[in-house]
């Protein structure tokens, strides 16, 4: 849909965040990919807008979809006739957490960084 404003509050490497990105690509949607891990102010903005600390969150024309998977984002778009159903395969799981292997790989990429904890 032309003119739709989408802000996606995502982690750089996360199964659910990758599922949301896959839906945006599947429907060729322009969106802001907001890194809530490396930009604390974006995480705080997400919590303030969504009223909760879990991600991904996707804001579509002012409507906040909180703690959603790619499947749920796609369902919202289709139900509200914001996109037309297509058969494009994303080749990415749309509703999947990171595997233990992915978590370990992320730790190896940033061995000097301490874990981020949100309270």
PDB file of N, CA and C in Angstrom:
ATOM      1  N   UNK A   1       0.857  -1.172   0.000  1.00  0.00           N
ATOM      2  CA  UNK A   1       0.000   0.000   0.000  1.00  0.00           C
ATOM      3  C   UNK A   1       0.901   1.232   0.000  1.00  0.00           C
ATOM      4  N   UNK A   2       0.666   2.122  -0.923  1.00  0.00           N
ATOM      5  CA  UNK A   2       1.474   3.330  -1.023  1.00  0.00           C
ATOM      6  C   UNK A   2       1.175   4.231   0.164  1.00  0.00           C
ATOM      7  N   UNK A   3       2.238   4.763   0.767  1.00  0.00           N
ATOM      8  CA  UNK A   3       2.065   5.699   1.858  1.00  0.00           C
ATOM      9  C   UNK A   3       1.966   5.071   3.236  1.00  0.00           C
ATOM     10  N   UNK A   4       2.015   3.750   3.313  1.00  0.00           N
ATOM     11  CA  UNK A   4       1.957   3.100   4.624  1.00  0.00           C
ATOM     12  C   UNK A   4       3.281   3.354   5.344  1.00  0.00           C
ATOM     13  N   UNK A   5       3.210   3.814   6.606  1.00  0.00           N
ATOM     14  CA  UNK A   5       4.405   4.074   7.394  1.00  0.00           C
ATOM     15  C   UNK A   5       4.593   2.934   8.382  1.00  0.00           C
ATOM     16  N   UNK A   6       5.740   2.243   8.256  1.00  0.00           N
ATOM     17  CA  UNK A   6       6.006   1.074   9.084  1.00  0.00           C
ATOM     18  C   UNK A   6       7.331   1.263   9.811  1.00  0.00           C
ATOM     19  N   UNK A   7       7.274   1.085  11.131  1.00  0.00           N
ATOM     20  CA  UNK A   7       8.479   1.105  11.966  1.00  0.00           C
ATOM     21  C   UNK A   7       8.561  -0.254  12.647  1.00  0.00           C
ATOM     22  N   UNK A   8       9.669  -0.957  12.419  1.00  0.00           N
ATOM     23  CA  UNK A   8       9.846  -2.282  13.001  1.00  0.00           C
ATOM     24  C   UNK A   8      10.971  -2.228  14.030  1.00  0.00           C
ATOM     25  N   UNK A   9      10.631  -2.505  15.273  1.00  0.00           N
ATOM     26  CA  UNK A   9      11.588  -2.519  16.381  1.00  0.00           C
ATOM     27  C   UNK A   9      12.122  -3.945  16.479  1.00  0.00           C
ATOM     28  N   UNK A  10      13.355  -4.137  15.999  1.00  0.00           N
ATOM     29  CA  UNK A  10      13.902  -5.479  15.820  1.00  0.00           C
ATOM     30  C   UNK A  10      15.282  -5.637  16.427  1.00  0.00           C
ATOM     31  N   UNK A  11      15.655  -6.882  16.651  1.00  0.00           N
ATOM     32  CA  UNK A  11      17.020  -7.215  17.050  1.00  0.00           C
ATOM     33  C   UNK A  11      17.797  -7.529  15.775  1.00  0.00           C
ATOM     34  N   UNK A  12      19.098  -7.230  15.753  1.00  0.00           N
ATOM     35  CA  UNK A  12      19.874  -7.515  14.546  1.00  0.00           C
ATOM     36  C   UNK A  12      19.841  -8.991  14.154  1.00  0.00           C
ATOM     37  N   UNK A  13      19.947  -9.890  15.140  1.00  0.00           N
ATOM     38  CA  UNK A  13      19.945 -11.326  14.876  1.00  0.00           C
ATOM     39  C   UNK A  13      18.965 -11.972  15.830  1.00  0.00           C
ATOM     40  N   UNK A  14      17.837 -12.357  15.311  1.00  0.00           N
ATOM     41  CA  UNK A  14      16.795 -12.963  16.128  1.00  0.00           C
ATOM     42  C   UNK A  14      15.852 -13.679  15.178  1.00  0.00           C
ATOM     43  N   UNK A  15      15.470 -14.902  15.523  1.00  0.00           N
ATOM     44  CA  UNK A  15      14.572 -15.648  14.651  1.00  0.00           C
ATOM     45  C   UNK A  15      13.282 -14.912  14.353  1.00  0.00           C
ATOM     46  N   UNK A  16      12.658 -14.357  15.396  1.00  0.00           N
ATOM     47  CA  UNK A  16      11.396 -13.651  15.184  1.00  0.00           C
ATOM     48  C   UNK A  16      11.613 -12.366  14.378  1.00  0.00           C
ATOM     49  N   UNK A  17      12.691 -11.643  14.654  1.00  0.00           N
ATOM     50  CA  UNK A  17      12.980 -10.421  13.891  1.00  0.00           C
ATOM     51  C   UNK A  17      13.226 -10.754  12.424  1.00  0.00           C
ATOM     52  N   UNK A  18      13.930 -11.861  12.161  1.00  0.00           N
ATOM     53  CA  UNK A  18      14.175 -12.263  10.776  1.00  0.00           C
ATOM     54  C   UNK A  18      12.861 -12.607  10.072  1.00  0.00           C
ATOM     55  N   UNK A  19      11.917 -13.193  10.819  1.00  0.00           N
ATOM     56  CA  UNK A  19      10.603 -13.495  10.249  1.00  0.00           C
ATOM     57  C   UNK A  19       9.845 -12.241   9.861  1.00  0.00           C
ATOM     58  N   UNK A  20       9.929 -11.204  10.690  1.00  0.00           N
ATOM     59  CA  UNK A  20       9.281  -9.927  10.371  1.00  0.00           C
ATOM     60  C   UNK A  20       9.935  -9.317   9.131  1.00  0.00           C
ATOM     61  N   UNK A  21      11.263  -9.322   9.072  1.00  0.00           N
ATOM     62  CA  UNK A  21      11.964  -8.791   7.890  1.00  0.00           C
ATOM     63  C   UNK A  21      11.559  -9.546   6.621  1.00  0.00           C
ATOM     64  N   UNK A  22      11.403 -10.868   6.746  1.00  0.00           N
ATOM     65  CA  UNK A  22      11.019 -11.683   5.589  1.00  0.00           C
ATOM     66  C   UNK A  22       9.649 -11.277   5.051  1.00  0.00           C
ATOM     67  N   UNK A  23       8.717 -10.946   5.947  1.00  0.00           N
ATOM     68  CA  UNK A  23       7.387 -10.508   5.507  1.00  0.00           C
ATOM     69  C   UNK A  23       7.485  -9.163   4.788  1.00  0.00           C
ATOM     70  N   UNK A  24       8.298  -8.262   5.310  1.00  0.00           N
ATOM     71  CA  UNK A  24       8.468  -6.963   4.649  1.00  0.00           C
ATOM     72  C   UNK A  24       9.021  -7.156   3.233  1.00  0.00           C
ATOM     73  N   UNK A  25       9.975  -8.070   3.100  1.00  0.00           N
ATOM     74  CA  UNK A  25      10.551  -8.350   1.788  1.00  0.00           C
ATOM     75  C   UNK A  25       9.543  -9.056   0.880  1.00  0.00           C
ATOM     76  N   UNK A  26       8.812 -10.014   1.430  1.00  0.00           N
ATOM     77  CA  UNK A  26       7.824 -10.775   0.656  1.00  0.00           C
ATOM     78  C   UNK A  26       6.825  -9.850  -0.032  1.00  0.00           C
ATOM     79  N   UNK A  27       6.416  -8.796   0.665  1.00  0.00           N
ATOM     80  CA  UNK A  27       5.416  -7.880   0.125  1.00  0.00           C
ATOM     81  C   UNK A  27       6.033  -6.573  -0.384  1.00  0.00           C
ATOM     82  N   UNK A  28       7.364  -6.536  -0.490  1.00  0.00           N
ATOM     83  CA  UNK A  28       8.081  -5.353  -0.989  1.00  0.00           C
ATOM     84  C   UNK A  28       7.666  -4.081  -0.252  1.00  0.00           C
ATOM     85  N   UNK A  29       7.609  -4.165   1.079  1.00  0.00           N
ATOM     86  CA  UNK A  29       7.186  -3.034   1.895  1.00  0.00           C
ATOM     87  C   UNK A  29       8.392  -2.226   2.372  1.00  0.00           C
ATOM     88  N   UNK A  30       8.286  -0.936   2.271  1.00  0.00           N
ATOM     89  CA  UNK A  30       9.309  -0.051   2.829  1.00  0.00           C
ATOM     90  C   UNK A  30       9.030   0.099   4.316  1.00  0.00           C
ATOM     91  N   UNK A  31      10.092   0.035   5.111  1.00  0.00           N
ATOM     92  CA  UNK A  31       9.924   0.147   6.557  1.00  0.00           C
ATOM     93  C   UNK A  31      11.218   0.604   7.183  1.00  0.00           C
ATOM     94  N   UNK A  32      11.113   1.116   8.396  1.00  0.00           N
ATOM     95  CA  UNK A  32      12.289   1.479   9.181  1.00  0.00           C
ATOM     96  C   UNK A  32      12.659   0.272  10.029  1.00  0.00           C
ATOM     97  N   UNK A  33      13.876  -0.214   9.866  1.00  0.00           N
ATOM     98  CA  UNK A  33      14.386  -1.332  10.653  1.00  0.00           C
ATOM     99  C   UNK A  33      15.144  -0.728  11.829  1.00  0.00           C
ATOM    100  N   UNK A  34      14.530  -0.738  13.004  1.00  0.00           N
ATOM    101  CA  UNK A  34      15.070  -0.059  14.174  1.00  0.00           C
ATOM    102  C   UNK A  34      15.750  -1.053  15.116  1.00  0.00           C
ATOM    103  N   UNK A  35      17.046  -0.910  15.287  1.00  0.00           N
ATOM    104  CA  UNK A  35      17.890  -1.815  16.071  1.00  0.00           C
ATOM    105  C   UNK A  35      17.753  -1.503  17.565  1.00  0.00           C
ATOM    106  N   UNK A  36      16.994  -2.344  18.261  1.00  0.00           N
ATOM    107  CA  UNK A  36      16.743  -2.087  19.686  1.00  0.00           C
ATOM    108  C   UNK A  36      17.852  -2.611  20.590  1.00  0.00           C
ATOM    109  N   UNK A  37      18.804  -3.335  20.047  1.00  0.00           N
ATOM    110  CA  UNK A  37      19.907  -3.844  20.852  1.00  0.00           C
ATOM    111  C   UNK A  37      21.038  -2.824  20.932  1.00  0.00           C
ATOM    112  N   UNK A  38      21.405  -2.274  19.809  1.00  0.00           N
ATOM    113  CA  UNK A  38      22.536  -1.348  19.769  1.00  0.00           C
ATOM    114  C   UNK A  38      22.152   0.112  19.960  1.00  0.00           C
ATOM    115  N   UNK A  39      20.853   0.389  20.007  1.00  0.00           N
ATOM    116  CA  UNK A  39      20.398   1.767  20.229  1.00  0.00           C
ATOM    117  C   UNK A  39      19.367   1.767  21.355  1.00  0.00           C
ATOM    118  N   UNK A  40      19.867   1.999  22.543  1.00  0.00           N
ATOM    119  CA  UNK A  40      19.037   1.950  23.756  1.00  0.00           C
ATOM    120  C   UNK A  40      17.807   2.851  23.651  1.00  0.00           C
ATOM    121  N   UNK A  41      17.956   4.021  23.033  1.00  0.00           N
ATOM    122  CA  UNK A  41      16.821   4.946  22.929  1.00  0.00           C
ATOM    123  C   UNK A  41      15.681   4.362  22.088  1.00  0.00           C
ATOM    124  N   UNK A  42      16.015   3.513  21.108  1.00  0.00           N
ATOM    125  CA  UNK A  42      14.968   2.873  20.306  1.00  0.00           C
ATOM    126  C   UNK A  42      14.248   1.799  21.112  1.00  0.00           C
ATOM    127  N   UNK A  43      15.007   1.066  21.942  1.00  0.00           N
ATOM    128  CA  UNK A  43      14.374   0.099  22.834  1.00  0.00           C
ATOM    129  C   UNK A  43      13.407   0.819  23.772  1.00  0.00           C
ATOM    130  N   UNK A  44      13.848   1.924  24.360  1.00  0.00           N
ATOM    131  CA  UNK A  44      12.994   2.683  25.284  1.00  0.00           C
ATOM    132  C   UNK A  44      11.755   3.220  24.570  1.00  0.00           C
ATOM    133  N   UNK A  45      11.919   3.668  23.331  1.00  0.00           N
ATOM    134  CA  UNK A  45      10.779   4.152  22.539  1.00  0.00           C
ATOM    135  C   UNK A  45       9.788   3.015  22.306  1.00  0.00           C
ATOM    136  N   UNK A  46      10.307   1.824  21.975  1.00  0.00           N
ATOM    137  CA  UNK A  46       9.446   0.665  21.745  1.00  0.00           C
ATOM    138  C   UNK A  46       8.641   0.334  23.005  1.00  0.00           C
ATOM    139  N   UNK A  47       9.306   0.295  24.153  1.00  0.00           N
ATOM    140  CA  UNK A  47       8.627  -0.019  25.413  1.00  0.00           C
ATOM    141  C   UNK A  47       7.556   1.024  25.719  1.00  0.00           C
ATOM    142  N   UNK A  48       7.896   2.297  25.514  1.00  0.00           N
ATOM    143  CA  UNK A  48       6.940   3.357  25.783  1.00  0.00           C
ATOM    144  C   UNK A  48       5.706   3.223  24.870  1.00  0.00           C
ATOM    145  N   UNK A  49       5.942   2.986  23.593  1.00  0.00           N
ATOM    146  CA  UNK A  49       4.828   2.914  22.644  1.00  0.00           C
ATOM    147  C   UNK A  49       4.001   1.636  22.785  1.00  0.00           C
ATOM    148  N   UNK A  50       4.683   0.513  23.079  1.00  0.00           N
ATOM    149  CA  UNK A  50       3.971  -0.765  23.114  1.00  0.00           C
ATOM    150  C   UNK A  50       3.452  -1.117  24.504  1.00  0.00           C
ATOM    151  N   UNK A  51       4.008  -0.485  25.534  1.00  0.00           N
ATOM    152  CA  UNK A  51       3.587  -0.772  26.894  1.00  0.00           C
ATOM    153  C   UNK A  51       4.144  -2.076  27.444  1.00  0.00           C
ATOM    154  N   UNK A  52       5.151  -2.642  26.767  1.00  0.00           N
ATOM    155  CA  UNK A  52       5.746  -3.900  27.217  1.00  0.00           C
ATOM    156  C   UNK A  52       7.158  -4.017  26.631  1.00  0.00           C
ATOM    157  N   UNK A  53       8.016  -4.918  27.170  1.00  0.00           N
ATOM    158  CA  UNK A  53       9.420  -4.965  26.781  1.00  0.00           C
ATOM    159  C   UNK A  53       9.808  -5.999  25.734  1.00  0.00           C
ATOM    160  N   UNK A  54       8.865  -6.772  25.205  1.00  0.00           N
ATOM    161  CA  UNK A  54       9.221  -7.859  24.303  1.00  0.00           C
ATOM    162  C   UNK A  54       9.222  -7.414  22.843  1.00  0.00           C
ATOM    163  N   UNK A  55      10.061  -8.056  22.054  1.00  0.00           N
ATOM    164  CA  UNK A  55      10.159  -7.748  20.635  1.00  0.00           C
ATOM    165  C   UNK A  55      10.019  -9.033  19.832  1.00  0.00           C
ATOM    166  N   UNK A  56       9.747  -8.861  18.555  1.00  0.00           N
ATOM    167  CA  UNK A  56       9.619  -7.647  17.768  1.00  0.00           C
ATOM    168  C   UNK A  56       8.296  -6.923  18.014  1.00  0.00           C
ATOM    169  N   UNK A  57       8.348  -5.627  17.754  1.00  0.00           N
ATOM    170  CA  UNK A  57       7.150  -4.794  17.722  1.00  0.00           C
ATOM    171  C   UNK A  57       7.155  -4.080  16.372  1.00  0.00           C
ATOM    172  N   UNK A  58       5.987  -3.976  15.781  1.00  0.00           N
ATOM    173  CA  UNK A  58       5.865  -3.324  14.485  1.00  0.00           C
ATOM    174  C   UNK A  58       4.745  -2.302  14.572  1.00  0.00           C
ATOM    175  N   UNK A  59       5.071  -1.070  14.223  1.00  0.00           N
ATOM    176  CA  UNK A  59       4.079   0.002  14.219  1.00  0.00           C
ATOM    177  C   UNK A  59       3.694   0.279  12.771  1.00  0.00           C
ATOM    178  N   UNK A  60       2.394   0.141  12.479  1.00  0.00           N
ATOM    179  CA  UNK A  60       1.879   0.335  11.121  1.00  0.00           C
ATOM    180  C   UNK A  60       0.881   1.479  11.156  1.00  0.00           C
ATOM    181  N   UNK A  61       1.265   2.589  10.562  1.00  0.00           N
ATOM    182  CA  UNK A  61       0.394   3.775  10.540  1.00  0.00           C
ATOM    183  C   UNK A  61      -0.169   4.094  11.929  1.00  0.00           C
ATOM    184  N   UNK A  62       0.703   4.030  12.934  1.00  0.00           N
ATOM    185  CA  UNK A  62       0.309   4.394  14.286  1.00  0.00           C
ATOM    186  C   UNK A  62      -0.286   3.266  15.107  1.00  0.00           C
ATOM    187  N   UNK A  63      -0.537   2.100  14.508  1.00  0.00           N
ATOM    188  CA  UNK A  63      -1.070   0.944  15.229  1.00  0.00           C
ATOM    189  C   UNK A  63       0.108   0.064  15.635  1.00  0.00           C
ATOM    190  N   UNK A  64       0.253  -0.199  16.943  1.00  0.00           N
ATOM    191  CA  UNK A  64       1.378  -0.990  17.442  1.00  0.00           C
ATOM    192  C   UNK A  64       1.002  -2.458  17.543  1.00  0.00           C
ATOM    193  N   UNK A  65       1.776  -3.288  16.873  1.00  0.00           N
ATOM    194  CA  UNK A  65       1.659  -4.737  16.979  1.00  0.00           C
ATOM    195  C   UNK A  65       2.795  -5.168  17.898  1.00  0.00           C
ATOM    196  N   UNK A  66       2.478  -5.542  19.121  1.00  0.00           N
ATOM    197  CA  UNK A  66       3.499  -5.802  20.141  1.00  0.00           C
ATOM    198  C   UNK A  66       3.823  -7.288  20.246  1.00  0.00           C
ATOM    199  N   UNK A  67       5.124  -7.578  20.351  1.00  0.00           N
ATOM    200  CA  UNK A  67       5.619  -8.937  20.571  1.00  0.00           C
ATOM    201  C   UNK A  67       5.024  -9.891  19.535  1.00  0.00           C
ATOM    202  N   UNK A  68       5.337  -9.642  18.255  1.00  0.00           N
ATOM    203  CA  UNK A  68       4.731 -10.393  17.162  1.00  0.00           C
ATOM    204  C   UNK A  68       5.768 -11.194  16.372  1.00  0.00           C
ATOM    205  N   UNK A  69       5.282 -12.216  15.719  1.00  0.00           N
ATOM    206  CA  UNK A  69       6.088 -13.008  14.797  1.00  0.00           C
ATOM    207  C   UNK A  69       5.821 -12.509  13.378  1.00  0.00           C
ATOM    208  N   UNK A  70       6.604 -12.996  12.439  1.00  0.00           N
ATOM    209  CA  UNK A  70       6.355 -12.675  11.036  1.00  0.00           C
ATOM    210  C   UNK A  70       4.971 -13.145  10.597  1.00  0.00           C
ATOM    211  N   UNK A  71       4.561 -14.323  11.079  1.00  0.00           N
ATOM    212  CA  UNK A  71       3.227 -14.833  10.751  1.00  0.00           C
ATOM    213  C   UNK A  71       2.135 -13.878  11.205  1.00  0.00           C
ATOM    214  N   UNK A  72       2.280 -13.357  12.410  1.00  0.00           N
ATOM    215  CA  UNK A  72       1.258 -12.451  12.948  1.00  0.00           C
ATOM    216  C   UNK A  72       1.241 -11.122  12.190  1.00  0.00           C
ATOM    217  N   UNK A  73       2.398 -10.644  11.785  1.00  0.00           N
ATOM    218  CA  UNK A  73       2.456  -9.405  11.007  1.00  0.00           C
ATOM    219  C   UNK A  73       1.772  -9.622   9.659  1.00  0.00           C
ATOM    220  N   UNK A  74       2.084 -10.749   9.010  1.00  0.00           N
ATOM    221  CA  UNK A  74       1.455 -11.047   7.724  1.00  0.00           C
ATOM    222  C   UNK A  74      -0.059 -11.159   7.876  1.00  0.00           C
ATOM    223  N   UNK A  75      -0.515 -11.834   8.923  1.00  0.00           N
ATOM    224  CA  UNK A  75      -1.949 -11.970   9.183  1.00  0.00           C
ATOM    225  C   UNK A  75      -2.605 -10.599   9.348  1.00  0.00           C
ATOM    226  N   UNK A  76      -1.955  -9.694  10.076  1.00  0.00           N
ATOM    227  CA  UNK A  76      -2.488  -8.339  10.259  1.00  0.00           C
ATOM    228  C   UNK A  76      -2.616  -7.623   8.913  1.00  0.00           C
ATOM    229  N   UNK A  77      -1.558  -7.690   8.103  1.00  0.00           N
ATOM    230  CA  UNK A  77      -1.589  -7.022   6.799  1.00  0.00           C
ATOM    231  C   UNK A  77      -2.706  -7.575   5.915  1.00  0.00           C
ATOM    232  N   UNK A  78      -2.850  -8.894   5.873  1.00  0.00           N
ATOM    233  CA  UNK A  78      -3.874  -9.514   5.024  1.00  0.00           C
ATOM    234  C   UNK A  78      -5.279  -9.231   5.547  1.00  0.00           C
ATOM    235  N   UNK A  79      -5.476  -9.382   6.842  1.00  0.00           N
ATOM    236  CA  UNK A  79      -6.798  -9.166   7.444  1.00  0.00           C
ATOM    237  C   UNK A  79      -7.292  -7.740   7.217  1.00  0.00           C
ATOM    238  N   UNK A  80      -6.372  -6.792   7.261  1.00  0.00           N
ATOM    239  CA  UNK A  80      -6.745  -5.388   7.082  1.00  0.00           C
ATOM    240  C   UNK A  80      -6.595  -4.898   5.648  1.00  0.00           C
ATOM    241  N   UNK A  81      -6.375  -5.862   4.742  1.00  0.00           N
ATOM    242  CA  UNK A  81      -6.286  -5.584   3.302  1.00  0.00           C
ATOM    243  C   UNK A  81      -5.222  -4.531   2.979  1.00  0.00           C
ATOM    244  N   UNK A  82      -4.093  -4.620   3.696  1.00  0.00           N
ATOM    245  CA  UNK A  82      -2.973  -3.710   3.462  1.00  0.00           C
ATOM    246  C   UNK A  82      -2.031  -4.264   2.402  1.00  0.00           C
ATOM    247  N   UNK A  83      -2.125  -5.579   2.164  1.00  0.00           N
ATOM    248  CA  UNK A  83      -1.369  -6.250   1.107  1.00  0.00           C
ATOM    249  C   UNK A  83      -2.287  -7.287   0.476  1.00  0.00           C
ATOM    250  N   UNK A  84      -1.912  -7.738  -0.718  1.00  0.00           N
ATOM    251  CA  UNK A  84      -2.642  -8.828  -1.365  1.00  0.00           C
ATOM    252  C   UNK A  84      -1.840 -10.102  -1.183  1.00  0.00           C
ATOM    253  N   UNK A  85      -2.532 -11.187  -0.848  1.00  0.00           N
ATOM    254  CA  UNK A  85      -1.871 -12.471  -0.625  1.00  0.00           C
ATOM    255  C   UNK A  85      -1.041 -12.849  -1.847  1.00  0.00           C
ATOM    256  N   UNK A  86       0.159 -13.356  -1.581  1.00  0.00           N
ATOM    257  CA  UNK A  86       0.976 -13.865  -2.669  1.00  0.00           C
ATOM    258  C   UNK A  86       1.604 -15.182  -2.243  1.00  0.00           C
ATOM    259  N   UNK A  87       2.166 -15.890  -3.190  1.00  0.00           N
ATOM    260  CA  UNK A  87       2.710 -17.225  -2.932  1.00  0.00           C
ATOM    261  C   UNK A  87       4.230 -17.214  -2.827  1.00  0.00           C
ATOM    262  N   UNK A  88       4.837 -16.050  -2.686  1.00  0.00           N
ATOM    263  CA  UNK A  88       6.292 -15.964  -2.588  1.00  0.00           C
ATOM    264  C   UNK A  88       6.755 -16.691  -1.327  1.00  0.00           C
ATOM    265  N   UNK A  89       7.753 -17.548  -1.490  1.00  0.00           N
ATOM    266  CA  UNK A  89       8.317 -18.289  -0.359  1.00  0.00           C
ATOM    267  C   UNK A  89       9.417 -17.448   0.263  1.00  0.00           C
ATOM    268  N   UNK A  90       9.359 -17.278   1.562  1.00  0.00           N
ATOM    269  CA  UNK A  90      10.350 -16.439   2.239  1.00  0.00           C
ATOM    270  C   UNK A  90      11.671 -17.158   2.499  1.00  0.00           C
ATOM    271  N   UNK A  91      11.663 -18.490   2.522  1.00  0.00           N
ATOM    272  CA  UNK A  91      12.858 -19.277   2.858  1.00  0.00           C
ATOM    273  C   UNK A  91      13.397 -18.947   4.247  1.00  0.00           C
ATOM    274  N   UNK A  92      12.585 -18.328   5.071  1.00  0.00           N
ATOM    275  CA  UNK A  92      12.933 -17.989   6.446  1.00  0.00           C
ATOM    276  C   UNK A  92      11.746 -18.380   7.314  1.00  0.00           C
ATOM    277  N   UNK A  93      12.003 -19.060   8.431  1.00  0.00           N
ATOM    278  CA  UNK A  93      10.876 -19.343   9.330  1.00  0.00           C
ATOM    279  C   UNK A  93      10.253 -18.034   9.819  1.00  0.00           C
ATOM    280  N   UNK A  94       8.933 -17.962   9.801  1.00  0.00           N
ATOM    281  CA  UNK A  94       8.244 -16.730  10.171  1.00  0.00           C
ATOM    282  C   UNK A  94       7.875 -16.670  11.648  1.00  0.00           C
ATOM    283  N   UNK A  95       8.010 -17.797  12.347  1.00  0.00           N
ATOM    284  CA  UNK A  95       7.625 -17.846  13.758  1.00  0.00           C
ATOM    285  C   UNK A  95       8.596 -18.756  14.492  1.00  0.00           C
ATOM    286  N   UNK A  96       9.837 -18.282  14.625  1.00  0.00           N
ATOM    287  CA  UNK A  96      10.858 -19.142  15.195  1.00  0.00           C
ATOM    288  C   UNK A  96      11.864 -18.345  16.015  1.00  0.00           C
ATOM    289  N   UNK A  97      12.163 -18.825  17.226  1.00  0.00           N
ATOM    290  CA  UNK A  97      13.212 -18.165  18.012  1.00  0.00           C
ATOM    291  C   UNK A  97      14.578 -18.522  17.443  1.00  0.00           C
ATOM    292  N   UNK A  98      15.602 -17.884  17.940  1.00  0.00           N
ATOM    293  CA  UNK A  98      16.971 -18.246  17.574  1.00  0.00           C
ATOM    294  C   UNK A  98      17.284 -19.616  18.163  1.00  0.00           C
ATOM    295  N   UNK A  99      18.083 -20.356  17.446  1.00  0.00           N
ATOM    296  CA  UNK A  99      18.540 -21.644  17.964  1.00  0.00           C
ATOM    297  C   UNK A  99      19.665 -21.408  18.971  1.00  0.00           C
ATOM    298  N   UNK A 100      20.000 -22.421  19.748  1.00  0.00           N
ATOM    299  CA  UNK A 100      21.120 -22.316  20.682  1.00  0.00           C
ATOM    300  C   UNK A 100      22.418 -22.028  19.929  1.00  0.00           C
ATOM    301  N   UNK A 101      22.560 -22.616  18.741  1.00  0.00           N
ATOM    302  CA  UNK A 101      23.753 -22.386  17.931  1.00  0.00           C
ATOM    303  C   UNK A 101      23.855 -20.913  17.513  1.00  0.00           C
ATOM    304  N   UNK A 102      22.722 -20.318  17.138  1.00  0.00           N
ATOM    305  CA  UNK A 102      22.732 -18.902  16.752  1.00  0.00           C
ATOM    306  C   UNK A 102      23.099 -18.019  17.945  1.00  0.00           C
ATOM    307  N   UNK A 103      22.577 -18.343  19.132  1.00  0.00           N
ATOM    308  CA  UNK A 103      22.932 -17.571  20.325  1.00  0.00           C
ATOM    309  C   UNK A 103      24.430 -17.674  20.600  1.00  0.00           C
ATOM    310  N   UNK A 104      25.004 -18.849  20.472  1.00  0.00           N
ATOM    311  CA  UNK A 104      26.441 -19.018  20.687  1.00  0.00           C
ATOM    312  C   UNK A 104      27.250 -18.245  19.649  1.00  0.00           C
ATOM    313  N   UNK A 105      26.812 -18.264  18.400  1.00  0.00           N
ATOM    314  CA  UNK A 105      27.513 -17.522  17.341  1.00  0.00           C
ATOM    315  C   UNK A 105      27.487 -16.031  17.627  1.00  0.00           C
ATOM    316  N   UNK A 106      26.368 -15.518  18.138  1.00  0.00           N
ATOM    317  CA  UNK A 106      26.277 -14.095  18.468  1.00  0.00           C
ATOM    318  C   UNK A 106      27.256 -13.751  19.594  1.00  0.00           C
ATOM    319  N   UNK A 107      27.391 -14.654  20.571  1.00  0.00           N
ATOM    320  CA  UNK A 107      28.332 -14.417  21.664  1.00  0.00           C
ATOM    321  C   UNK A 107      29.763 -14.374  21.145  1.00  0.00           C
ATOM    322  N   UNK A 108      30.090 -15.256  20.195  1.00  0.00           N
ATOM    323  CA  UNK A 108      31.448 -15.284  19.634  1.00  0.00           C
ATOM    324  C   UNK A 108      31.750 -14.035  18.821  1.00  0.00           C
ATOM    325  N   UNK A 109      30.742 -13.451  18.191  1.00  0.00           N
ATOM    326  CA  UNK A 109      30.942 -12.228  17.406  1.00  0.00           C
ATOM    327  C   UNK A 109      31.286 -11.054  18.290  1.00  0.00           C
ATOM    328  N   UNK A 110      30.807 -11.034  19.515  1.00  0.00           N
ATOM    329  CA  UNK A 110      31.033  -9.925  20.445  1.00  0.00           C
ATOM    330  C   UNK A 110      31.536 -10.450  21.782  1.00  0.00           C
ATOM    331  N   UNK A 111      32.709 -11.090  21.812  1.00  0.00           N
ATOM    332  CA  UNK A 111      33.161 -11.692  23.062  1.00  0.00           C
ATOM    333  C   UNK A 111      33.464 -10.685  24.162  1.00  0.00           C
ATOM    334  N   UNK A 112      33.793  -9.434  23.816  1.00  0.00           N
ATOM    335  CA  UNK A 112      34.150  -8.433  24.817  1.00  0.00           C
ATOM    336  C   UNK A 112      32.946  -7.680  25.357  1.00  0.00           C
ATOM    337  N   UNK A 113      31.823  -7.832  24.708  1.00  0.00           N
ATOM    338  CA  UNK A 113      30.660  -7.072  25.166  1.00  0.00           C
ATOM    339  C   UNK A 113      29.931  -7.834  26.257  1.00  0.00           C
ATOM    340  N   UNK A 114      29.455  -7.106  27.220  1.00  0.00           N
ATOM    341  CA  UNK A 114      28.690  -7.728  28.277  1.00  0.00           C
ATOM    342  C   UNK A 114      27.237  -7.806  27.819  1.00  0.00           C
ATOM    343  N   UNK A 115      26.496  -8.769  28.347  1.00  0.00           N
ATOM    344  CA  UNK A 115      25.109  -8.902  27.928  1.00  0.00           C
ATOM    345  C   UNK A 115      24.288  -7.675  28.294  1.00  0.00           C
ATOM    346  N   UNK A 116      23.342  -7.380  27.448  1.00  0.00           N
ATOM    347  CA  UNK A 116      22.443  -6.261  27.716  1.00  0.00           C
ATOM    348  C   UNK A 116      21.288  -6.788  28.547  1.00  0.00           C
ATOM    349  N   UNK A 117      21.002  -6.137  29.618  1.00  0.00           N
ATOM    350  CA  UNK A 117      19.906  -6.547  30.483  1.00  0.00           C
ATOM    351  C   UNK A 117      18.942  -5.375  30.605  1.00  0.00           C
ATOM    352  N   UNK A 118      17.678  -5.660  30.372  1.00  0.00           N
ATOM    353  CA  UNK A 118      16.645  -4.636  30.463  1.00  0.00           C
ATOM    354  C   UNK A 118      15.791  -4.935  31.684  1.00  0.00           C
ATOM    355  N   UNK A 119      15.672  -3.985  32.561  1.00  0.00           N
ATOM    356  CA  UNK A 119      14.880  -4.171  33.778  1.00  0.00           C
ATOM    357  C   UNK A 119      13.715  -3.210  33.778  1.00  0.00           C
TER     358      UNK A 119
END
